[in-house]
Amino acid sequence: TGKPIIIFNHDLLTSGNEFVFGIDDNEKINLNE
């Protein structure tokens, strides 16, 4: 917990401020957390 994370991808996940990755509303990860 608290360890900094940096993610690499070929493209940007979102243009917003919430970096949420998942399948649907029930299965998702808020990467900001």
PDB file of all heavy atoms in Angstrom:
ATOM      1  N   THR A   1       0.834  -1.201   0.000  1.00  0.00           N
ATOM      2  CA  THR A   1       0.000   0.000   0.000  1.00  0.00           C
ATOM      3  C   THR A   1       0.869   1.251   0.000  1.00  0.00           C
ATOM      4  O   THR A   1       1.824   1.360   0.779  1.00  0.00           O
ATOM      5  CB  THR A   1      -0.919   0.014   1.235  1.00  0.00           C
ATOM      6  OG1 THR A   1      -1.725  -1.166   1.229  1.00  0.00           O
ATOM      7  CG2 THR A   1      -1.817   1.245   1.236  1.00  0.00           C
ATOM      8  N   GLY A   2       0.546   2.180  -0.901  1.00  0.00           N
ATOM      9  CA  GLY A   2       1.270   3.439  -0.956  1.00  0.00           C
ATOM     10  C   GLY A   2       2.461   3.449  -1.893  1.00  0.00           C
ATOM     11  O   GLY A   2       3.034   4.512  -2.156  1.00  0.00           O
ATOM     12  N   LYS A   3       2.853   2.283  -2.408  1.00  0.00           N
ATOM     13  CA  LYS A   3       3.992   2.250  -3.332  1.00  0.00           C
ATOM     14  C   LYS A   3       3.603   2.921  -4.644  1.00  0.00           C
ATOM     15  O   LYS A   3       2.548   2.622  -5.212  1.00  0.00           O
ATOM     16  CB  LYS A   3       4.418   0.807  -3.591  1.00  0.00           C
ATOM     17  CG  LYS A   3       5.696   0.692  -4.422  1.00  0.00           C
ATOM     18  CD  LYS A   3       6.223  -0.722  -4.438  1.00  0.00           C
ATOM     19  CE  LYS A   3       7.583  -0.811  -5.099  1.00  0.00           C
ATOM     20  NZ  LYS A   3       8.189  -2.153  -4.988  1.00  0.00           N
ATOM     21  N   PRO A   4       4.405   3.847  -5.155  1.00  0.00           N
ATOM     22  CA  PRO A   4       4.070   4.519  -6.409  1.00  0.00           C
ATOM     23  C   PRO A   4       3.978   3.537  -7.578  1.00  0.00           C
ATOM     24  O   PRO A   4       4.756   2.588  -7.663  1.00  0.00           O
ATOM     25  CB  PRO A   4       5.230   5.493  -6.617  1.00  0.00           C
ATOM     26  CG  PRO A   4       5.820   5.676  -5.259  1.00  0.00           C
ATOM     27  CD  PRO A   4       5.642   4.360  -4.557  1.00  0.00           C
ATOM     28  N   ILE A   5       3.012   3.792  -8.466  1.00  0.00           N
ATOM     29  CA  ILE A   5       2.807   2.955  -9.653  1.00  0.00           C
ATOM     30  C   ILE A   5       2.874   3.820 -10.897  1.00  0.00           C
ATOM     31  O   ILE A   5       2.308   4.921 -10.942  1.00  0.00           O
ATOM     32  CB  ILE A   5       1.452   2.228  -9.579  1.00  0.00           C
ATOM     33  CG1 ILE A   5       1.485   1.175  -8.469  1.00  0.00           C
ATOM     34  CG2 ILE A   5       1.099   1.565 -10.911  1.00  0.00           C
ATOM     35  CD1 ILE A   5       0.154   0.534  -8.212  1.00  0.00           C
ATOM     36  N   ILE A   6       3.565   3.329 -11.917  1.00  0.00           N
ATOM     37  CA  ILE A   6       3.599   3.966 -13.236  1.00  0.00           C
ATOM     38  C   ILE A   6       3.201   2.912 -14.262  1.00  0.00           C
ATOM     39  O   ILE A   6       3.688   1.784 -14.218  1.00  0.00           O
ATOM     40  CB  ILE A   6       4.987   4.546 -13.550  1.00  0.00           C
ATOM     41  CG1 ILE A   6       5.270   5.746 -12.640  1.00  0.00           C
ATOM     42  CG2 ILE A   6       5.092   4.957 -15.018  1.00  0.00           C
ATOM     43  CD1 ILE A   6       6.647   6.364 -12.815  1.00  0.00           C
ATOM     44  N   ILE A   7       2.314   3.280 -15.164  1.00  0.00           N
ATOM     45  CA  ILE A   7       1.811   2.333 -16.167  1.00  0.00           C
ATOM     46  C   ILE A   7       2.249   2.763 -17.564  1.00  0.00           C
ATOM     47  O   ILE A   7       2.216   3.951 -17.917  1.00  0.00           O
ATOM     48  CB  ILE A   7       0.273   2.213 -16.093  1.00  0.00           C
ATOM     49  CG1 ILE A   7      -0.124   1.542 -14.771  1.00  0.00           C
ATOM     50  CG2 ILE A   7      -0.272   1.414 -17.283  1.00  0.00           C
ATOM     51  CD1 ILE A   7      -1.608   1.295 -14.601  1.00  0.00           C
ATOM     52  N   PHE A   8       2.670   1.769 -18.354  1.00  0.00           N
ATOM     53  CA  PHE A   8       3.025   1.968 -19.752  1.00  0.00           C
ATOM     54  C   PHE A   8       1.971   1.304 -20.633  1.00  0.00           C
ATOM     55  O   PHE A   8       1.540   0.179 -20.365  1.00  0.00           O
ATOM     56  CB  PHE A   8       4.386   1.342 -20.060  1.00  0.00           C
ATOM     57  CG  PHE A   8       5.521   1.883 -19.247  1.00  0.00           C
ATOM     58  CD1 PHE A   8       6.150   1.093 -18.288  1.00  0.00           C
ATOM     59  CD2 PHE A   8       5.979   3.175 -19.445  1.00  0.00           C
ATOM     60  CE1 PHE A   8       7.215   1.572 -17.548  1.00  0.00           C
ATOM     61  CE2 PHE A   8       7.047   3.676 -18.701  1.00  0.00           C
ATOM     62  CZ  PHE A   8       7.662   2.875 -17.751  1.00  0.00           C
ATOM     63  N   ASN A   9       1.587   1.996 -21.686  1.00  0.00           N
ATOM     64  CA  ASN A   9       0.658   1.459 -22.674  1.00  0.00           C
ATOM     65  C   ASN A   9       0.931   2.183 -23.975  1.00  0.00           C
ATOM     66  O   ASN A   9       1.554   3.254 -23.972  1.00  0.00           O
ATOM     67  CB  ASN A   9      -0.794   1.659 -22.217  1.00  0.00           C
ATOM     68  CG  ASN A   9      -1.808   0.901 -23.048  1.00  0.00           C
ATOM     69  OD1 ASN A   9      -2.047   1.215 -24.214  1.00  0.00           O
ATOM     70  ND2 ASN A   9      -2.427  -0.101 -22.451  1.00  0.00           N
ATOM     71  N   HIS A  10       0.459   1.641 -25.092  1.00  0.00           N
ATOM     72  CA  HIS A  10       0.653   2.346 -26.358  1.00  0.00           C
ATOM     73  C   HIS A  10      -0.249   3.569 -26.469  1.00  0.00           C
ATOM     74  O   HIS A  10       0.058   4.503 -27.203  1.00  0.00           O
ATOM     75  CB  HIS A  10       0.401   1.404 -27.543  1.00  0.00           C
ATOM     76  CG  HIS A  10       0.706   2.026 -28.861  1.00  0.00           C
ATOM     77  ND1 HIS A  10       1.944   2.542 -29.179  1.00  0.00           N
ATOM     78  CD2 HIS A  10      -0.079   2.247 -29.963  1.00  0.00           C
ATOM     79  CE1 HIS A  10       1.912   3.048 -30.397  1.00  0.00           C
ATOM     80  NE2 HIS A  10       0.704   2.886 -30.899  1.00  0.00           N
ATOM     81  N   ASP A  11      -1.358   3.588 -25.735  1.00  0.00           N
ATOM     82  CA  ASP A  11      -2.301   4.695 -25.827  1.00  0.00           C
ATOM     83  C   ASP A  11      -2.701   5.147 -24.431  1.00  0.00           C
ATOM     84  O   ASP A  11      -2.460   4.461 -23.427  1.00  0.00           O
ATOM     85  CB  ASP A  11      -3.534   4.274 -26.632  1.00  0.00           C
ATOM     86  CG  ASP A  11      -4.325   5.457 -27.170  1.00  0.00           C
ATOM     87  OD1 ASP A  11      -3.879   6.614 -27.005  1.00  0.00           O
ATOM     88  OD2 ASP A  11      -5.408   5.225 -27.752  1.00  0.00           O
ATOM     89  N   LEU A  12      -3.375   6.265 -24.372  1.00  0.00           N
ATOM     90  CA  LEU A  12      -3.856   6.829 -23.114  1.00  0.00           C
ATOM     91  C   LEU A  12      -5.173   6.180 -22.724  1.00  0.00           C
ATOM     92  O   LEU A  12      -6.041   5.960 -23.569  1.00  0.00           O
ATOM     93  CB  LEU A  12      -4.033   8.345 -23.268  1.00  0.00           C
ATOM     94  CG  LEU A  12      -4.423   9.139 -22.030  1.00  0.00           C
ATOM     95  CD1 LEU A  12      -3.359   9.017 -20.949  1.00  0.00           C
ATOM     96  CD2 LEU A  12      -4.631  10.612 -22.401  1.00  0.00           C
ATOM     97  N   LEU A  13      -5.331   5.867 -21.444  1.00  0.00           N
ATOM     98  CA  LEU A  13      -6.545   5.202 -20.975  1.00  0.00           C
ATOM     99  C   LEU A  13      -7.746   6.124 -21.000  1.00  0.00           C
ATOM    100  O   LEU A  13      -8.846   5.725 -21.406  1.00  0.00           O
ATOM    101  CB  LEU A  13      -6.324   4.677 -19.549  1.00  0.00           C
ATOM    102  CG  LEU A  13      -7.524   4.012 -18.884  1.00  0.00           C
ATOM    103  CD1 LEU A  13      -7.896   2.715 -19.606  1.00  0.00           C
ATOM    104  CD2 LEU A  13      -7.230   3.736 -17.400  1.00  0.00           C
ATOM    105  N   THR A  14      -7.577   7.374 -20.585  1.00  0.00           N
ATOM    106  CA  THR A  14      -8.688   8.304 -20.445  1.00  0.00           C
ATOM    107  C   THR A  14      -8.195   9.733 -20.606  1.00  0.00           C
ATOM    108  O   THR A  14      -7.008  10.012 -20.385  1.00  0.00           O
ATOM    109  CB  THR A  14      -9.354   8.145 -19.063  1.00  0.00           C
ATOM    110  OG1 THR A  14     -10.396   9.115 -18.910  1.00  0.00           O
ATOM    111  CG2 THR A  14      -8.339   8.334 -17.933  1.00  0.00           C
ATOM    112  N   SER A  15      -9.083  10.624 -20.966  1.00  0.00           N
ATOM    113  CA  SER A  15      -8.747  12.049 -21.004  1.00  0.00           C
ATOM    114  C   SER A  15      -9.202  12.744 -19.729  1.00  0.00           C
ATOM    115  O   SER A  15      -9.000  13.945 -19.563  1.00  0.00           O
ATOM    116  CB  SER A  15      -9.409  12.721 -22.220  1.00  0.00           C
ATOM    117  OG  SER A  15     -10.826  12.561 -22.166  1.00  0.00           O
ATOM    118  N   GLY A  16      -9.835  11.985 -18.830  1.00  0.00           N
ATOM    119  CA  GLY A  16     -10.323  12.541 -17.577  1.00  0.00           C
ATOM    120  C   GLY A  16      -9.334  12.368 -16.441  1.00  0.00           C
ATOM    121  O   GLY A  16      -8.180  11.997 -16.644  1.00  0.00           O
ATOM    122  N   ASN A  17      -9.801  12.622 -15.239  1.00  0.00           N
ATOM    123  CA  ASN A  17      -8.946  12.567 -14.059  1.00  0.00           C
ATOM    124  C   ASN A  17      -9.043  11.253 -13.305  1.00  0.00           C
ATOM    125  O   ASN A  17      -8.228  10.990 -12.424  1.00  0.00           O
ATOM    126  CB  ASN A  17      -9.290  13.716 -13.103  1.00  0.00           C
ATOM    127  CG  ASN A  17      -8.961  15.078 -13.704  1.00  0.00           C
ATOM    128  OD1 ASN A  17      -8.189  15.176 -14.648  1.00  0.00           O
ATOM    129  ND2 ASN A  17      -9.557  16.120 -13.155  1.00  0.00           N
ATOM    130  N   GLU A  18     -10.026  10.418 -13.643  1.00  0.00           N
ATOM    131  CA  GLU A  18     -10.202   9.134 -12.974  1.00  0.00           C
ATOM    132  C   GLU A  18      -9.703   8.012 -13.884  1.00  0.00           C
ATOM    133  O   GLU A  18     -10.243   7.803 -14.976  1.00  0.00           O
ATOM    134  CB  GLU A  18     -11.685   8.905 -12.642  1.00  0.00           C
ATOM    135  CG  GLU A  18     -12.224   9.825 -11.548  1.00  0.00           C
ATOM    136  CD  GLU A  18     -11.623   9.511 -10.194  1.00  0.00           C
ATOM    137  OE1 GLU A  18     -11.561   8.312  -9.836  1.00  0.00           O
ATOM    138  OE2 GLU A  18     -11.201  10.457  -9.495  1.00  0.00           O
ATOM    139  N   PHE A  19      -8.667   7.315 -13.446  1.00  0.00           N
ATOM    140  CA  PHE A  19      -8.095   6.224 -14.233  1.00  0.00           C
ATOM    141  C   PHE A  19      -8.688   4.902 -13.742  1.00  0.00           C
ATOM    142  O   PHE A  19      -8.160   4.266 -12.829  1.00  0.00           O
ATOM    143  CB  PHE A  19      -6.573   6.236 -14.131  1.00  0.00           C
ATOM    144  CG  PHE A  19      -5.938   7.333 -14.937  1.00  0.00           C
ATOM    145  CD1 PHE A  19      -6.011   8.654 -14.513  1.00  0.00           C
ATOM    146  CD2 PHE A  19      -5.300   7.061 -16.141  1.00  0.00           C
ATOM    147  CE1 PHE A  19      -5.446   9.670 -15.261  1.00  0.00           C
ATOM    148  CE2 PHE A  19      -4.740   8.072 -16.899  1.00  0.00           C
ATOM    149  CZ  PHE A  19      -4.810   9.394 -16.460  1.00  0.00           C
ATOM    150  N   VAL A  20      -9.811   4.549 -14.363  1.00  0.00           N
ATOM    151  CA  VAL A  20     -10.544   3.348 -13.969  1.00  0.00           C
ATOM    152  C   VAL A  20     -10.420   2.318 -15.083  1.00  0.00           C
ATOM    153  O   VAL A  20     -10.756   2.595 -16.237  1.00  0.00           O
ATOM    154  CB  VAL A  20     -12.024   3.654 -13.683  1.00  0.00           C
ATOM    155  CG1 VAL A  20     -12.780   2.374 -13.351  1.00  0.00           C
ATOM    156  CG2 VAL A  20     -12.133   4.645 -12.527  1.00  0.00           C
ATOM    157  N   PHE A  21      -9.944   1.137 -14.737  1.00  0.00           N
ATOM    158  CA  PHE A  21      -9.800   0.060 -15.717  1.00  0.00           C
ATOM    159  C   PHE A  21     -10.573  -1.150 -15.227  1.00  0.00           C
ATOM    160  O   PHE A  21     -10.457  -1.537 -14.066  1.00  0.00           O
ATOM    161  CB  PHE A  21      -8.323  -0.321 -15.894  1.00  0.00           C
ATOM    162  CG  PHE A  21      -8.095  -1.369 -16.945  1.00  0.00           C
ATOM    163  CD1 PHE A  21      -7.969  -1.023 -18.272  1.00  0.00           C
ATOM    164  CD2 PHE A  21      -8.034  -2.714 -16.613  1.00  0.00           C
ATOM    165  CE1 PHE A  21      -7.774  -1.980 -19.257  1.00  0.00           C
ATOM    166  CE2 PHE A  21      -7.838  -3.691 -17.580  1.00  0.00           C
ATOM    167  CZ  PHE A  21      -7.713  -3.316 -18.911  1.00  0.00           C
ATOM    168  N   GLY A  22     -11.387  -1.740 -16.110  1.00  0.00           N
ATOM    169  CA  GLY A  22     -12.140  -2.916 -15.692  1.00  0.00           C
ATOM    170  C   GLY A  22     -13.022  -3.473 -16.784  1.00  0.00           C
ATOM    171  O   GLY A  22     -12.895  -3.109 -17.964  1.00  0.00           O
ATOM    172  N   ILE A  23     -13.920  -4.344 -16.370  1.00  0.00           N
ATOM    173  CA  ILE A  23     -14.818  -5.034 -17.286  1.00  0.00           C
ATOM    174  C   ILE A  23     -16.171  -4.345 -17.337  1.00  0.00           C
ATOM    175  O   ILE A  23     -16.736  -4.103 -18.397  1.00  0.00           O
ATOM    176  CB  ILE A  23     -14.992  -6.504 -16.859  1.00  0.00           C
ATOM    177  CG1 ILE A  23     -13.627  -7.206 -16.790  1.00  0.00           C
ATOM    178  CG2 ILE A  23     -15.915  -7.239 -17.820  1.00  0.00           C
ATOM    179  CD1 ILE A  23     -13.676  -8.578 -16.171  1.00  0.00           C
ATOM    180  N   ASP A  24     -16.712  -4.027 -16.146  1.00  0.00           N
ATOM    181  CA  ASP A  24     -18.007  -3.361 -16.028  1.00  0.00           C
ATOM    182  C   ASP A  24     -18.054  -2.631 -14.697  1.00  0.00           C
ATOM    183  O   ASP A  24     -17.038  -2.520 -14.001  1.00  0.00           O
ATOM    184  CB  ASP A  24     -19.161  -4.384 -16.151  1.00  0.00           C
ATOM    185  CG  ASP A  24     -19.013  -5.555 -15.198  1.00  0.00           C
ATOM    186  OD1 ASP A  24     -18.568  -5.351 -14.040  1.00  0.00           O
ATOM    187  OD2 ASP A  24     -19.331  -6.691 -15.595  1.00  0.00           O
ATOM    188  N   ASP A  25     -19.233  -2.156 -14.324  1.00  0.00           N
ATOM    189  CA  ASP A  25     -19.352  -1.387 -13.084  1.00  0.00           C
ATOM    190  C   ASP A  25     -19.083  -2.220 -11.839  1.00  0.00           C
ATOM    191  O   ASP A  25     -18.777  -1.677 -10.773  1.00  0.00           O
ATOM    192  CB  ASP A  25     -20.758  -0.766 -12.990  1.00  0.00           C
ATOM    193  CG  ASP A  25     -20.954   0.357 -13.990  1.00  0.00           C
ATOM    194  OD1 ASP A  25     -19.932   0.921 -14.454  1.00  0.00           O
ATOM    195  OD2 ASP A  25     -22.111   0.669 -14.315  1.00  0.00           O
ATOM    196  N   ASN A  26     -19.207  -3.528 -11.970  1.00  0.00           N
ATOM    197  CA  ASN A  26     -18.985  -4.399 -10.816  1.00  0.00           C
ATOM    198  C   ASN A  26     -17.551  -4.890 -10.701  1.00  0.00           C
ATOM    199  O   ASN A  26     -17.096  -5.237  -9.608  1.00  0.00           O
ATOM    200  CB  ASN A  26     -19.935  -5.610 -10.879  1.00  0.00           C
ATOM    201  CG  ASN A  26     -21.388  -5.202 -10.791  1.00  0.00           C
ATOM    202  OD1 ASN A  26     -21.755  -4.338  -9.986  1.00  0.00           O
ATOM    203  ND2 ASN A  26     -22.234  -5.793 -11.627  1.00  0.00           N
ATOM    204  N   GLU A  27     -16.844  -4.955 -11.836  1.00  0.00           N
ATOM    205  CA  GLU A  27     -15.460  -5.417 -11.831  1.00  0.00           C
ATOM    206  C   GLU A  27     -14.577  -4.340 -12.461  1.00  0.00           C
ATOM    207  O   GLU A  27     -14.482  -4.228 -13.684  1.00  0.00           O
ATOM    208  CB  GLU A  27     -15.323  -6.734 -12.607  1.00  0.00           C
ATOM    209  CG  GLU A  27     -16.007  -7.914 -11.946  1.00  0.00           C
ATOM    210  CD  GLU A  27     -15.655  -9.224 -12.623  1.00  0.00           C
ATOM    211  OE1 GLU A  27     -14.620  -9.829 -12.267  1.00  0.00           O
ATOM    212  OE2 GLU A  27     -16.413  -9.636 -13.519  1.00  0.00           O
ATOM    213  N   LYS A  28     -13.957  -3.562 -11.607  1.00  0.00           N
ATOM    214  CA  LYS A  28     -13.130  -2.466 -12.090  1.00  0.00           C
ATOM    215  C   LYS A  28     -12.107  -2.091 -11.019  1.00  0.00           C
ATOM    216  O   LYS A  28     -12.265  -2.402  -9.841  1.00  0.00           O
ATOM    217  CB  LYS A  28     -13.991  -1.254 -12.441  1.00  0.00           C
ATOM    218  CG  LYS A  28     -14.803  -0.705 -11.270  1.00  0.00           C
ATOM    219  CD  LYS A  28     -15.709   0.429 -11.710  1.00  0.00           C
ATOM    220  CE  LYS A  28     -16.548   0.943 -10.531  1.00  0.00           C
ATOM    221  NZ  LYS A  28     -17.450   2.038 -10.953  1.00  0.00           N
ATOM    222  N   ILE A  29     -11.044  -1.442 -11.466  1.00  0.00           N
ATOM    223  CA  ILE A  29      -9.986  -0.976 -10.585  1.00  0.00           C
ATOM    224  C   ILE A  29      -9.862   0.532 -10.751  1.00  0.00           C
ATOM    225  O   ILE A  29      -9.685   1.029 -11.865  1.00  0.00           O
ATOM    226  CB  ILE A  29      -8.628  -1.614 -10.928  1.00  0.00           C
ATOM    227  CG1 ILE A  29      -8.718  -3.136 -10.951  1.00  0.00           C
ATOM    228  CG2 ILE A  29      -7.556  -1.159  -9.946  1.00  0.00           C
ATOM    229  CD1 ILE A  29      -7.497  -3.799 -11.572  1.00  0.00           C
ATOM    230  N   ASN A  30      -9.941   1.253  -9.648  1.00  0.00           N
ATOM    231  CA  ASN A  30      -9.639   2.679  -9.678  1.00  0.00           C
ATOM    232  C   ASN A  30      -8.144   2.818  -9.404  1.00  0.00           C
ATOM    233  O   ASN A  30      -7.680   2.689  -8.268  1.00  0.00           O
ATOM    234  CB  ASN A  30     -10.452   3.431  -8.619  1.00  0.00           C
ATOM    235  CG  ASN A  30     -10.267   4.942  -8.738  1.00  0.00           C
ATOM    236  OD1 ASN A  30      -9.234   5.416  -9.196  1.00  0.00           O
ATOM    237  ND2 ASN A  30     -11.269   5.703  -8.321  1.00  0.00           N
ATOM    238  N   LEU A  31      -7.381   3.070 -10.465  1.00  0.00           N
ATOM    239  CA  LEU A  31      -5.929   3.109 -10.352  1.00  0.00           C
ATOM    240  C   LEU A  31      -5.454   4.287  -9.505  1.00  0.00           C
ATOM    241  O   LEU A  31      -4.367   4.220  -8.915  1.00  0.00           O
ATOM    242  CB  LEU A  31      -5.303   3.170 -11.741  1.00  0.00           C
ATOM    243  CG  LEU A  31      -5.538   1.915 -12.597  1.00  0.00           C
ATOM    244  CD1 LEU A  31      -5.173   2.174 -14.050  1.00  0.00           C
ATOM    245  CD2 LEU A  31      -4.728   0.744 -12.055  1.00  0.00           C
ATOM    246  N   ASN A  32      -6.253   5.339  -9.427  1.00  0.00           N
ATOM    247  CA  ASN A  32      -5.888   6.466  -8.574  1.00  0.00           C
ATOM    248  C   ASN A  32      -5.745   6.030  -7.118  1.00  0.00           C
ATOM    249  O   ASN A  32      -4.903   6.540  -6.374  1.00  0.00           O
ATOM    250  CB  ASN A  32      -6.948   7.570  -8.660  1.00  0.00           C
ATOM    251  CG  ASN A  32      -7.141   8.081 -10.066  1.00  0.00           C
ATOM    252  OD1 ASN A  32      -7.736   7.396 -10.886  1.00  0.00           O
ATOM    253  ND2 ASN A  32      -6.644   9.273 -10.362  1.00  0.00           N
ATOM    254  N   GLU A  33      -6.563   5.066  -6.721  1.00  0.00           N
ATOM    255  CA  GLU A  33      -6.520   4.568  -5.342  1.00  0.00           C
ATOM    256  C   GLU A  33      -5.317   3.672  -5.087  1.00  0.00           C
ATOM    257  O   GLU A  33      -5.043   3.310  -3.940  1.00  0.00           O
ATOM    258  CB  GLU A  33      -7.818   3.816  -5.026  1.00  0.00           C
ATOM    259  CG  GLU A  33      -9.059   4.698  -5.077  1.00  0.00           C
ATOM    260  CD  GLU A  33     -10.346   3.915  -4.906  1.00  0.00           C
ATOM    261  OE1 GLU A  33     -10.268   2.652  -4.822  1.00  0.00           O
ATOM    262  OE2 GLU A  33     -11.418   4.539  -4.866  1.00  0.00           O
TER     263      GLU A  33
END
